[in-house]
């Protein structure tokens, strides 16, 4: 299984116009991505966090939320 394969719709709705700044792997089937807006001053642009569950059905496997008020955000994951 190709674990990092987004459908065109998932890409357009969640990733288009952003680039991956950081990522974390919580489990073999749970990924988090921190995205920054694809603009010249990306550090001061919009930020998004993507939750990706590749084993779920297309349309149900990507969750997105905007992030505000964080200076230099980073991702980390832990099961404990």
N, C-alpha and C. Protein backbone atom coordinates (compact mmCIF):
# COMPACT_ATOMS: atom_id res chain seq x y z
N UNK A 1 0.85 -1.18 0.00
CA UNK A 1 0.00 0.00 0.00
C UNK A 1 0.89 1.24 0.00
N UNK A 2 0.58 2.18 -0.87
CA UNK A 2 1.27 3.47 -0.90
C UNK A 2 0.65 4.36 0.18
N UNK A 3 1.34 4.54 1.28
CA UNK A 3 0.76 5.22 2.44
C UNK A 3 0.62 6.73 2.28
N UNK A 4 1.35 7.35 1.41
CA UNK A 4 1.26 8.80 1.26
C UNK A 4 0.75 9.16 -0.12
N UNK A 5 -0.44 8.70 -0.41
CA UNK A 5 -1.04 8.99 -1.70
C UNK A 5 -2.38 9.67 -1.47
N UNK A 6 -2.43 10.97 -1.75
CA UNK A 6 -3.65 11.74 -1.61
C UNK A 6 -4.41 11.74 -2.93
N UNK A 7 -5.74 11.72 -2.87
CA UNK A 7 -6.52 11.88 -4.10
C UNK A 7 -6.38 13.33 -4.56
N UNK A 8 -6.74 13.59 -5.81
CA UNK A 8 -6.69 14.96 -6.32
C UNK A 8 -7.56 15.89 -5.48
N UNK A 9 -8.73 15.43 -5.09
CA UNK A 9 -9.63 16.25 -4.27
C UNK A 9 -9.04 16.51 -2.89
N UNK A 10 -8.46 15.49 -2.25
CA UNK A 10 -7.82 15.69 -0.95
C UNK A 10 -6.69 16.71 -1.05
N UNK A 11 -5.92 16.61 -2.13
CA UNK A 11 -4.82 17.55 -2.34
C UNK A 11 -5.35 18.97 -2.51
N UNK A 12 -6.33 19.15 -3.39
CA UNK A 12 -6.87 20.48 -3.66
C UNK A 12 -7.47 21.12 -2.41
N UNK A 13 -8.20 20.34 -1.63
CA UNK A 13 -8.89 20.88 -0.46
C UNK A 13 -7.96 21.14 0.73
N UNK A 14 -6.87 20.39 0.85
CA UNK A 14 -6.08 20.43 2.07
C UNK A 14 -4.63 20.89 1.92
N UNK A 15 -4.03 20.66 0.76
CA UNK A 15 -2.59 20.87 0.63
C UNK A 15 -2.23 21.94 -0.39
N UNK A 16 -3.00 22.08 -1.44
CA UNK A 16 -2.68 23.02 -2.51
C UNK A 16 -2.44 24.43 -1.95
N UNK A 17 -1.34 25.04 -2.35
CA UNK A 17 -1.00 26.39 -1.89
C UNK A 17 -0.17 26.39 -0.61
N UNK A 18 0.20 25.22 -0.12
CA UNK A 18 1.01 25.09 1.09
C UNK A 18 2.18 24.16 0.81
N UNK A 19 3.18 24.18 1.67
CA UNK A 19 4.29 23.23 1.58
C UNK A 19 4.54 22.64 2.95
N UNK A 20 5.09 21.42 2.97
CA UNK A 20 5.32 20.70 4.23
C UNK A 20 6.52 21.29 4.95
N UNK A 21 6.29 21.72 6.18
CA UNK A 21 7.33 22.30 7.02
C UNK A 21 7.83 21.30 8.06
N UNK A 22 6.94 20.44 8.53
CA UNK A 22 7.31 19.46 9.54
C UNK A 22 6.34 18.28 9.42
N UNK A 23 6.74 17.14 9.96
CA UNK A 23 5.86 15.97 9.98
C UNK A 23 6.15 15.13 11.21
N UNK A 24 5.18 14.31 11.59
CA UNK A 24 5.35 13.38 12.71
C UNK A 24 4.58 12.12 12.37
N UNK A 25 5.12 10.99 12.81
CA UNK A 25 4.47 9.70 12.61
C UNK A 25 4.09 9.18 13.99
N UNK A 26 2.78 9.09 14.24
CA UNK A 26 2.33 8.58 15.54
C UNK A 26 2.29 7.06 15.55
N UNK A 27 1.95 6.47 14.42
CA UNK A 27 1.88 5.02 14.25
C UNK A 27 2.07 4.73 12.77
N UNK A 28 2.15 3.47 12.41
CA UNK A 28 2.38 3.15 10.99
C UNK A 28 1.23 3.60 10.10
N UNK A 29 0.10 3.92 10.70
CA UNK A 29 -1.06 4.34 9.91
C UNK A 29 -1.64 5.69 10.37
N UNK A 30 -0.81 6.52 11.03
CA UNK A 30 -1.25 7.84 11.47
C UNK A 30 -0.10 8.83 11.27
N UNK A 31 -0.33 9.83 10.41
CA UNK A 31 0.68 10.83 10.08
C UNK A 31 0.12 12.23 10.34
N UNK A 32 1.00 13.13 10.75
CA UNK A 32 0.65 14.54 10.92
C UNK A 32 1.61 15.37 10.10
N UNK A 33 1.09 16.40 9.45
CA UNK A 33 1.90 17.31 8.66
C UNK A 33 1.60 18.74 9.07
N UNK A 34 2.65 19.53 9.23
CA UNK A 34 2.51 20.96 9.47
C UNK A 34 2.83 21.64 8.16
N UNK A 35 1.88 22.41 7.64
CA UNK A 35 2.05 23.07 6.35
C UNK A 35 2.12 24.57 6.54
N UNK A 36 2.96 25.22 5.73
CA UNK A 36 3.04 26.67 5.69
C UNK A 36 2.57 27.14 4.33
N UNK A 37 1.91 28.29 4.32
CA UNK A 37 1.41 28.85 3.07
C UNK A 37 2.57 29.11 2.11
N UNK A 38 2.37 28.79 0.86
CA UNK A 38 3.40 28.93 -0.17
C UNK A 38 3.43 30.37 -0.68
N UNK A 39 4.02 31.24 0.15
CA UNK A 39 4.20 32.66 -0.19
C UNK A 39 5.64 33.03 0.15
N UNK A 40 6.17 34.16 -0.38
CA UNK A 40 7.55 34.53 -0.09
C UNK A 40 7.85 34.65 1.41
N UNK A 41 6.94 35.16 2.20
CA UNK A 41 7.13 35.31 3.64
C UNK A 41 6.34 34.23 4.37
N UNK A 42 6.64 32.97 4.09
CA UNK A 42 5.85 31.84 4.60
C UNK A 42 5.81 31.78 6.12
N UNK A 43 6.85 32.24 6.79
CA UNK A 43 6.89 32.19 8.25
C UNK A 43 5.76 33.02 8.85
N UNK A 44 5.36 34.08 8.17
CA UNK A 44 4.28 34.94 8.66
C UNK A 44 2.95 34.67 7.97
N UNK A 45 2.90 33.65 7.12
CA UNK A 45 1.66 33.31 6.41
C UNK A 45 0.79 32.36 7.22
N UNK A 46 -0.22 31.84 6.58
CA UNK A 46 -1.13 30.89 7.21
C UNK A 46 -0.45 29.55 7.44
N UNK A 47 -0.94 28.84 8.46
CA UNK A 47 -0.42 27.51 8.80
C UNK A 47 -1.58 26.53 8.89
N UNK A 48 -1.30 25.29 8.55
CA UNK A 48 -2.29 24.22 8.66
C UNK A 48 -1.65 22.98 9.26
N UNK A 49 -2.46 22.24 9.99
CA UNK A 49 -2.05 20.92 10.43
C UNK A 49 -2.95 19.91 9.75
N UNK A 50 -2.35 18.92 9.12
CA UNK A 50 -3.08 17.86 8.43
C UNK A 50 -2.94 16.58 9.24
N UNK A 51 -4.05 15.93 9.51
CA UNK A 51 -4.07 14.59 10.09
C UNK A 51 -4.37 13.64 8.94
N UNK A 52 -3.55 12.63 8.77
CA UNK A 52 -3.71 11.71 7.63
C UNK A 52 -3.75 10.28 8.14
N UNK A 53 -4.85 9.59 7.81
CA UNK A 53 -5.07 8.20 8.18
C UNK A 53 -5.21 7.39 6.90
N UNK A 54 -4.10 6.88 6.34
CA UNK A 54 -4.11 6.28 5.00
C UNK A 54 -4.98 5.04 4.85
N UNK A 55 -5.30 4.36 5.93
CA UNK A 55 -6.11 3.14 5.80
C UNK A 55 -7.61 3.43 5.79
N UNK A 56 -8.00 4.67 6.06
CA UNK A 56 -9.41 5.05 5.97
C UNK A 56 -9.79 5.26 4.51
N UNK A 57 -11.09 5.33 4.25
CA UNK A 57 -11.57 5.54 2.89
C UNK A 57 -11.28 6.96 2.41
N UNK A 58 -10.99 7.14 1.11
CA UNK A 58 -10.84 8.48 0.58
C UNK A 58 -12.06 9.33 0.94
N UNK A 59 -11.79 10.57 1.31
CA UNK A 59 -12.86 11.45 1.76
C UNK A 59 -12.99 11.46 3.28
N UNK A 60 -12.51 10.40 3.95
CA UNK A 60 -12.57 10.31 5.41
C UNK A 60 -11.19 10.27 6.06
N UNK A 61 -10.14 10.24 5.28
CA UNK A 61 -8.82 9.99 5.85
C UNK A 61 -7.97 11.24 6.09
N UNK A 62 -8.43 12.42 5.68
CA UNK A 62 -7.66 13.64 5.88
C UNK A 62 -8.48 14.63 6.70
N UNK A 63 -7.86 15.18 7.73
CA UNK A 63 -8.47 16.23 8.53
C UNK A 63 -7.53 17.42 8.54
N UNK A 64 -8.08 18.62 8.45
CA UNK A 64 -7.28 19.84 8.39
C UNK A 64 -7.77 20.84 9.41
N UNK A 65 -6.83 21.52 10.05
CA UNK A 65 -7.21 22.64 10.90
C UNK A 65 -6.18 23.75 10.72
N UNK A 66 -6.66 24.97 10.77
CA UNK A 66 -5.77 26.12 10.70
C UNK A 66 -5.12 26.35 12.05
N UNK A 67 -3.91 26.88 12.04
CA UNK A 67 -3.19 27.19 13.27
C UNK A 67 -2.90 28.68 13.31
N UNK A 68 -3.23 29.33 14.40
CA UNK A 68 -2.92 30.75 14.58
C UNK A 68 -2.28 30.94 15.95
N UNK A 69 -1.45 31.96 16.06
CA UNK A 69 -0.86 32.30 17.35
C UNK A 69 0.34 31.48 17.74
N UNK A 70 0.92 30.73 16.82
CA UNK A 70 2.09 29.90 17.13
C UNK A 70 3.30 30.47 16.40
N UNK A 71 4.34 30.80 17.13
CA UNK A 71 5.59 31.25 16.52
C UNK A 71 6.53 30.06 16.40
N UNK A 72 6.86 29.67 15.20
CA UNK A 72 7.78 28.55 14.99
C UNK A 72 7.24 27.22 15.46
N UNK A 73 6.02 26.82 15.05
CA UNK A 73 5.46 25.54 15.52
C UNK A 73 6.26 24.35 15.03
N UNK A 74 6.24 23.29 15.80
CA UNK A 74 6.87 22.01 15.47
C UNK A 74 5.88 20.90 15.83
N UNK A 75 6.03 19.75 15.22
CA UNK A 75 5.20 18.59 15.52
C UNK A 75 6.01 17.54 16.26
N UNK A 76 5.31 16.81 17.11
CA UNK A 76 5.90 15.66 17.80
C UNK A 76 4.77 14.68 18.07
N UNK A 77 5.09 13.43 18.22
CA UNK A 77 4.07 12.41 18.50
C UNK A 77 4.59 11.44 19.55
N UNK A 78 3.68 10.96 20.34
CA UNK A 78 4.03 9.99 21.36
C UNK A 78 2.84 9.09 21.62
N UNK A 79 3.10 7.85 21.94
CA UNK A 79 2.02 6.93 22.30
C UNK A 79 1.94 6.76 23.80
N UNK A 80 2.75 7.43 24.57
CA UNK A 80 2.72 7.33 26.03
C UNK A 80 2.59 8.67 26.66
